[in-house]
Amino acid sequence: MAKPTEPKTETMAETENYLAWKAEEPDGETTYHLELNNVTLHFFEEEWTEVMELVASLLK
């Protein structure tokens, strides 16, 4: 049986306590991840776009 392909990951931003990264999944989907201390939030691309719109509106 063939081993599943591992996702290709990329760190988008990082601070001492937080990390944002994305993964190109073997099925072609891109997922986004926010690690906030001991909590990790996972988003599909459509959800990530909405979260980024929310954050942009907070920064206005």
PDB file of N, CA and C in Angstrom:
ATOM      1  N   MET A   1       0.849  -1.172   0.000  1.00  0.00           N
ATOM      2  CA  MET A   1       0.000   0.000   0.000  1.00  0.00           C
ATOM      3  C   MET A   1       0.896   1.238   0.000  1.00  0.00           C
ATOM      4  N   ALA A   2       0.586   2.219  -0.852  1.00  0.00           N
ATOM      5  CA  ALA A   2       1.396   3.425  -0.967  1.00  0.00           C
ATOM      6  C   ALA A   2       1.170   4.335   0.233  1.00  0.00           C
ATOM      7  N   LYS A   3       2.239   4.949   0.687  1.00  0.00           N
ATOM      8  CA  LYS A   3       2.161   5.894   1.800  1.00  0.00           C
ATOM      9  C   LYS A   3       1.510   7.187   1.307  1.00  0.00           C
ATOM     10  N   PRO A   4       0.523   7.731   2.055  1.00  0.00           N
ATOM     11  CA  PRO A   4      -0.109   8.991   1.638  1.00  0.00           C
ATOM     12  C   PRO A   4       0.926  10.113   1.587  1.00  0.00           C
ATOM     13  N   THR A   5       0.746  10.995   0.646  1.00  0.00           N
ATOM     14  CA  THR A   5       1.636  12.145   0.512  1.00  0.00           C
ATOM     15  C   THR A   5       1.436  13.083   1.695  1.00  0.00           C
ATOM     16  N   GLU A   6       2.523  13.584   2.236  1.00  0.00           N
ATOM     17  CA  GLU A   6       2.459  14.522   3.346  1.00  0.00           C
ATOM     18  C   GLU A   6       2.109  15.918   2.819  1.00  0.00           C
ATOM     19  N   PRO A   7       1.387  16.724   3.612  1.00  0.00           N
ATOM     20  CA  PRO A   7       1.094  18.087   3.169  1.00  0.00           C
ATOM     21  C   PRO A   7       2.362  18.937   3.159  1.00  0.00           C
ATOM     22  N   LYS A   8       2.394  19.912   2.263  1.00  0.00           N
ATOM     23  CA  LYS A   8       3.496  20.880   2.219  1.00  0.00           C
ATOM     24  C   LYS A   8       3.083  22.050   3.103  1.00  0.00           C
ATOM     25  N   THR A   9       3.877  22.342   4.137  1.00  0.00           N
ATOM     26  CA  THR A   9       3.522  23.399   5.076  1.00  0.00           C
ATOM     27  C   THR A   9       4.424  24.611   4.905  1.00  0.00           C
ATOM     28  N   GLU A  10       3.873  25.768   5.285  1.00  0.00           N
ATOM     29  CA  GLU A  10       4.615  27.022   5.197  1.00  0.00           C
ATOM     30  C   GLU A  10       4.225  27.902   6.370  1.00  0.00           C
ATOM     31  N   THR A  11       5.201  28.396   7.122  1.00  0.00           N
ATOM     32  CA  THR A  11       4.937  29.343   8.200  1.00  0.00           C
ATOM     33  C   THR A  11       4.641  30.694   7.575  1.00  0.00           C
ATOM     34  N   MET A  12       3.508  31.279   7.959  1.00  0.00           N
ATOM     35  CA  MET A  12       3.096  32.573   7.415  1.00  0.00           C
ATOM     36  C   MET A  12       3.557  33.722   8.311  1.00  0.00           C
ATOM     37  N   ALA A  13       3.464  33.532   9.630  1.00  0.00           N
ATOM     38  CA  ALA A  13       3.889  34.542  10.599  1.00  0.00           C
ATOM     39  C   ALA A  13       4.111  33.855  11.936  1.00  0.00           C
ATOM     40  N   GLU A  14       5.018  34.434  12.719  1.00  0.00           N
ATOM     41  CA  GLU A  14       5.342  33.815  14.005  1.00  0.00           C
ATOM     42  C   GLU A  14       5.804  34.873  14.983  1.00  0.00           C
ATOM     43  N   THR A  15       5.322  34.748  16.231  1.00  0.00           N
ATOM     44  CA  THR A  15       5.820  35.559  17.332  1.00  0.00           C
ATOM     45  C   THR A  15       6.272  34.597  18.419  1.00  0.00           C
ATOM     46  N   GLU A  16       6.609  35.139  19.569  1.00  0.00           N
ATOM     47  CA  GLU A  16       7.069  34.273  20.664  1.00  0.00           C
ATOM     48  C   GLU A  16       5.998  33.264  21.084  1.00  0.00           C
ATOM     49  N   ASN A  17       4.716  33.680  21.063  1.00  0.00           N
ATOM     50  CA  ASN A  17       3.639  32.824  21.552  1.00  0.00           C
ATOM     51  C   ASN A  17       2.654  32.346  20.495  1.00  0.00           C
ATOM     52  N   TYR A  18       2.712  32.901  19.299  1.00  0.00           N
ATOM     53  CA  TYR A  18       1.704  32.603  18.280  1.00  0.00           C
ATOM     54  C   TYR A  18       2.348  32.187  16.968  1.00  0.00           C
ATOM     55  N   LEU A  19       1.596  31.392  16.213  1.00  0.00           N
ATOM     56  CA  LEU A  19       2.097  30.916  14.932  1.00  0.00           C
ATOM     57  C   LEU A  19       0.931  30.800  13.963  1.00  0.00           C
ATOM     58  N   ALA A  20       1.107  31.290  12.742  1.00  0.00           N
ATOM     59  CA  ALA A  20       0.143  31.109  11.663  1.00  0.00           C
ATOM     60  C   ALA A  20       0.857  30.354  10.554  1.00  0.00           C
ATOM     61  N   TRP A  21       0.240  29.261  10.088  1.00  0.00           N
ATOM     62  CA  TRP A  21       0.853  28.473   9.030  1.00  0.00           C
ATOM     63  C   TRP A  21      -0.227  27.898   8.126  1.00  0.00           C
ATOM     64  N   LYS A  22       0.185  27.518   6.924  1.00  0.00           N
ATOM     65  CA  LYS A  22      -0.769  26.912   6.004  1.00  0.00           C
ATOM     66  C   LYS A  22      -0.213  25.600   5.489  1.00  0.00           C
ATOM     67  N   ALA A  23      -1.120  24.760   5.036  1.00  0.00           N
ATOM     68  CA  ALA A  23      -0.742  23.449   4.525  1.00  0.00           C
ATOM     69  C   ALA A  23      -1.429  23.211   3.187  1.00  0.00           C
ATOM     70  N   GLU A  24      -0.650  22.808   2.200  1.00  0.00           N
ATOM     71  CA  GLU A  24      -1.189  22.357   0.928  1.00  0.00           C
ATOM     72  C   GLU A  24      -1.414  20.859   1.091  1.00  0.00           C
ATOM     73  N   GLU A  25      -2.670  20.477   1.240  1.00  0.00           N
ATOM     74  CA  GLU A  25      -3.020  19.094   1.515  1.00  0.00           C
ATOM     75  C   GLU A  25      -2.881  18.228   0.260  1.00  0.00           C
ATOM     76  N   PRO A  26      -2.669  16.926   0.429  1.00  0.00           N
ATOM     77  CA  PRO A  26      -2.526  16.021  -0.724  1.00  0.00           C
ATOM     78  C   PRO A  26      -3.726  16.031  -1.674  1.00  0.00           C
ATOM     79  N   ASP A  27      -4.917  16.362  -1.146  1.00  0.00           N
ATOM     80  CA  ASP A  27      -6.112  16.378  -1.994  1.00  0.00           C
ATOM     81  C   ASP A  27      -6.299  17.702  -2.734  1.00  0.00           C
ATOM     82  N   GLY A  28      -5.325  18.634  -2.591  1.00  0.00           N
ATOM     83  CA  GLY A  28      -5.393  19.914  -3.286  1.00  0.00           C
ATOM     84  C   GLY A  28      -5.986  21.041  -2.458  1.00  0.00           C
ATOM     85  N   GLU A  29      -6.555  20.723  -1.313  1.00  0.00           N
ATOM     86  CA  GLU A  29      -7.149  21.737  -0.440  1.00  0.00           C
ATOM     87  C   GLU A  29      -6.033  22.462   0.315  1.00  0.00           C
ATOM     88  N   THR A  30      -6.208  23.769   0.517  1.00  0.00           N
ATOM     89  CA  THR A  30      -5.301  24.532   1.362  1.00  0.00           C
ATOM     90  C   THR A  30      -5.986  24.760   2.694  1.00  0.00           C
ATOM     91  N   THR A  31      -5.305  24.443   3.785  1.00  0.00           N
ATOM     92  CA  THR A  31      -5.837  24.690   5.115  1.00  0.00           C
ATOM     93  C   THR A  31      -4.921  25.664   5.839  1.00  0.00           C
ATOM     94  N   TYR A  32      -5.513  26.432   6.738  1.00  0.00           N
ATOM     95  CA  TYR A  32      -4.787  27.457   7.488  1.00  0.00           C
ATOM     96  C   TYR A  32      -4.928  27.149   8.969  1.00  0.00           C
ATOM     97  N   HIS A  33      -3.883  27.471   9.737  1.00  0.00           N
ATOM     98  CA  HIS A  33      -3.835  27.092  11.139  1.00  0.00           C
ATOM     99  C   HIS A  33      -3.277  28.244  11.962  1.00  0.00           C
ATOM    100  N   LEU A  34      -3.948  28.558  13.057  1.00  0.00           N
ATOM    101  CA  LEU A  34      -3.461  29.542  14.016  1.00  0.00           C
ATOM    102  C   LEU A  34      -3.190  28.828  15.327  1.00  0.00           C
ATOM    103  N   GLU A  35      -1.956  28.878  15.781  1.00  0.00           N
ATOM    104  CA  GLU A  35      -1.599  28.316  17.085  1.00  0.00           C
ATOM    105  C   GLU A  35      -1.462  29.483  18.053  1.00  0.00           C
ATOM    106  N   LEU A  36      -2.377  29.530  19.028  1.00  0.00           N
ATOM    107  CA  LEU A  36      -2.426  30.616  19.999  1.00  0.00           C
ATOM    108  C   LEU A  36      -2.214  30.012  21.384  1.00  0.00           C
ATOM    109  N   ASN A  37      -0.960  30.026  21.831  1.00  0.00           N
ATOM    110  CA  ASN A  37      -0.579  29.335  23.059  1.00  0.00           C
ATOM    111  C   ASN A  37      -0.996  27.876  22.966  1.00  0.00           C
ATOM    112  N   ASN A  38      -1.921  27.418  23.797  1.00  0.00           N
ATOM    113  CA  ASN A  38      -2.278  25.997  23.781  1.00  0.00           C
ATOM    114  C   ASN A  38      -3.556  25.709  22.987  1.00  0.00           C
ATOM    115  N   VAL A  39      -4.000  26.654  22.159  1.00  0.00           N
ATOM    116  CA  VAL A  39      -5.184  26.477  21.321  1.00  0.00           C
ATOM    117  C   VAL A  39      -4.764  26.553  19.861  1.00  0.00           C
ATOM    118  N   THR A  40      -5.232  25.618  19.055  1.00  0.00           N
ATOM    119  CA  THR A  40      -4.981  25.666  17.620  1.00  0.00           C
ATOM    120  C   THR A  40      -6.313  25.722  16.893  1.00  0.00           C
ATOM    121  N   LEU A  41      -6.457  26.717  16.004  1.00  0.00           N
ATOM    122  CA  LEU A  41      -7.654  26.866  15.186  1.00  0.00           C
ATOM    123  C   LEU A  41      -7.318  26.444  13.766  1.00  0.00           C
ATOM    124  N   HIS A  42      -8.190  25.651  13.160  1.00  0.00           N
ATOM    125  CA  HIS A  42      -7.980  25.143  11.808  1.00  0.00           C
ATOM    126  C   HIS A  42      -9.062  25.710  10.897  1.00  0.00           C
ATOM    127  N   PHE A  43      -8.679  26.166   9.705  1.00  0.00           N
ATOM    128  CA  PHE A  43      -9.618  26.783   8.776  1.00  0.00           C
ATOM    129  C   PHE A  43      -9.424  26.234   7.371  1.00  0.00           C
ATOM    130  N   PHE A  44     -10.542  26.024   6.662  1.00  0.00           N
ATOM    131  CA  PHE A  44     -10.466  25.812   5.227  1.00  0.00           C
ATOM    132  C   PHE A  44     -10.328  27.178   4.574  1.00  0.00           C
ATOM    133  N   GLU A  45      -9.976  27.225   3.311  1.00  0.00           N
ATOM    134  CA  GLU A  45      -9.668  28.484   2.629  1.00  0.00           C
ATOM    135  C   GLU A  45     -10.802  29.507   2.720  1.00  0.00           C
ATOM    136  N   GLU A  46     -12.050  29.075   2.524  1.00  0.00           N
ATOM    137  CA  GLU A  46     -13.184  30.006   2.582  1.00  0.00           C
ATOM    138  C   GLU A  46     -13.331  30.602   3.984  1.00  0.00           C
ATOM    139  N   GLU A  47     -13.129  29.786   4.995  1.00  0.00           N
ATOM    140  CA  GLU A  47     -13.212  30.257   6.369  1.00  0.00           C
ATOM    141  C   GLU A  47     -12.080  31.230   6.682  1.00  0.00           C
ATOM    142  N   TRP A  48     -10.889  30.923   6.184  1.00  0.00           N
ATOM    143  CA  TRP A  48      -9.724  31.776   6.411  1.00  0.00           C
ATOM    144  C   TRP A  48      -9.962  33.163   5.823  1.00  0.00           C
ATOM    145  N   THR A  49     -10.521  33.201   4.620  1.00  0.00           N
ATOM    146  CA  THR A  49     -10.809  34.481   3.968  1.00  0.00           C
ATOM    147  C   THR A  49     -11.752  35.315   4.838  1.00  0.00           C
ATOM    148  N   GLU A  50     -12.759  34.676   5.386  1.00  0.00           N
ATOM    149  CA  GLU A  50     -13.702  35.401   6.245  1.00  0.00           C
ATOM    150  C   GLU A  50     -13.036  35.887   7.527  1.00  0.00           C
ATOM    151  N   VAL A  51     -12.186  35.073   8.130  1.00  0.00           N
ATOM    152  CA  VAL A  51     -11.474  35.480   9.350  1.00  0.00           C
ATOM    153  C   VAL A  51     -10.557  36.670   9.040  1.00  0.00           C
ATOM    154  N   MET A  52      -9.890  36.653   7.899  1.00  0.00           N
ATOM    155  CA  MET A  52      -9.004  37.757   7.534  1.00  0.00           C
ATOM    156  C   MET A  52      -9.810  39.038   7.301  1.00  0.00           C
ATOM    157  N   GLU A  53     -11.012  38.930   6.746  1.00  0.00           N
ATOM    158  CA  GLU A  53     -11.900  40.096   6.602  1.00  0.00           C
ATOM    159  C   GLU A  53     -12.284  40.644   7.977  1.00  0.00           C
ATOM    160  N   LEU A  54     -12.566  39.756   8.912  1.00  0.00           N
ATOM    161  CA  LEU A  54     -12.896  40.158  10.274  1.00  0.00           C
ATOM    162  C   LEU A  54     -11.734  40.898  10.925  1.00  0.00           C
ATOM    163  N   VAL A  55     -10.543  40.352  10.810  1.00  0.00           N
ATOM    164  CA  VAL A  55      -9.362  40.979  11.413  1.00  0.00           C
ATOM    165  C   VAL A  55      -9.102  42.346  10.757  1.00  0.00           C
ATOM    166  N   ALA A  56      -9.245  42.436   9.454  1.00  0.00           N
ATOM    167  CA  ALA A  56      -9.041  43.713   8.760  1.00  0.00           C
ATOM    168  C   ALA A  56     -10.034  44.762   9.266  1.00  0.00           C
ATOM    169  N   SER A  57     -11.276  44.366   9.511  1.00  0.00           N
ATOM    170  CA  SER A  57     -12.262  45.330  10.012  1.00  0.00           C
ATOM    171  C   SER A  57     -11.940  45.763  11.432  1.00  0.00           C
ATOM    172  N   LEU A  58     -11.302  44.922  12.208  1.00  0.00           N
ATOM    173  CA  LEU A  58     -10.886  45.311  13.557  1.00  0.00           C
ATOM    174  C   LEU A  58      -9.752  46.325  13.539  1.00  0.00           C
ATOM    175  N   LEU A  59      -8.931  46.287  12.509  1.00  0.00           N
ATOM    176  CA  LEU A  59      -7.755  47.148  12.418  1.00  0.00           C
ATOM    177  C   LEU A  59      -8.061  48.517  11.811  1.00  0.00           C
ATOM    178  N   LYS A  60      -9.293  48.751  11.382  1.00  0.00           N
ATOM    179  CA  LYS A  60      -9.665  50.046  10.785  1.00  0.00           C
ATOM    180  C   LYS A  60      -9.798  51.106  11.830  1.00  0.00           C
TER     181      LYS A  60
END
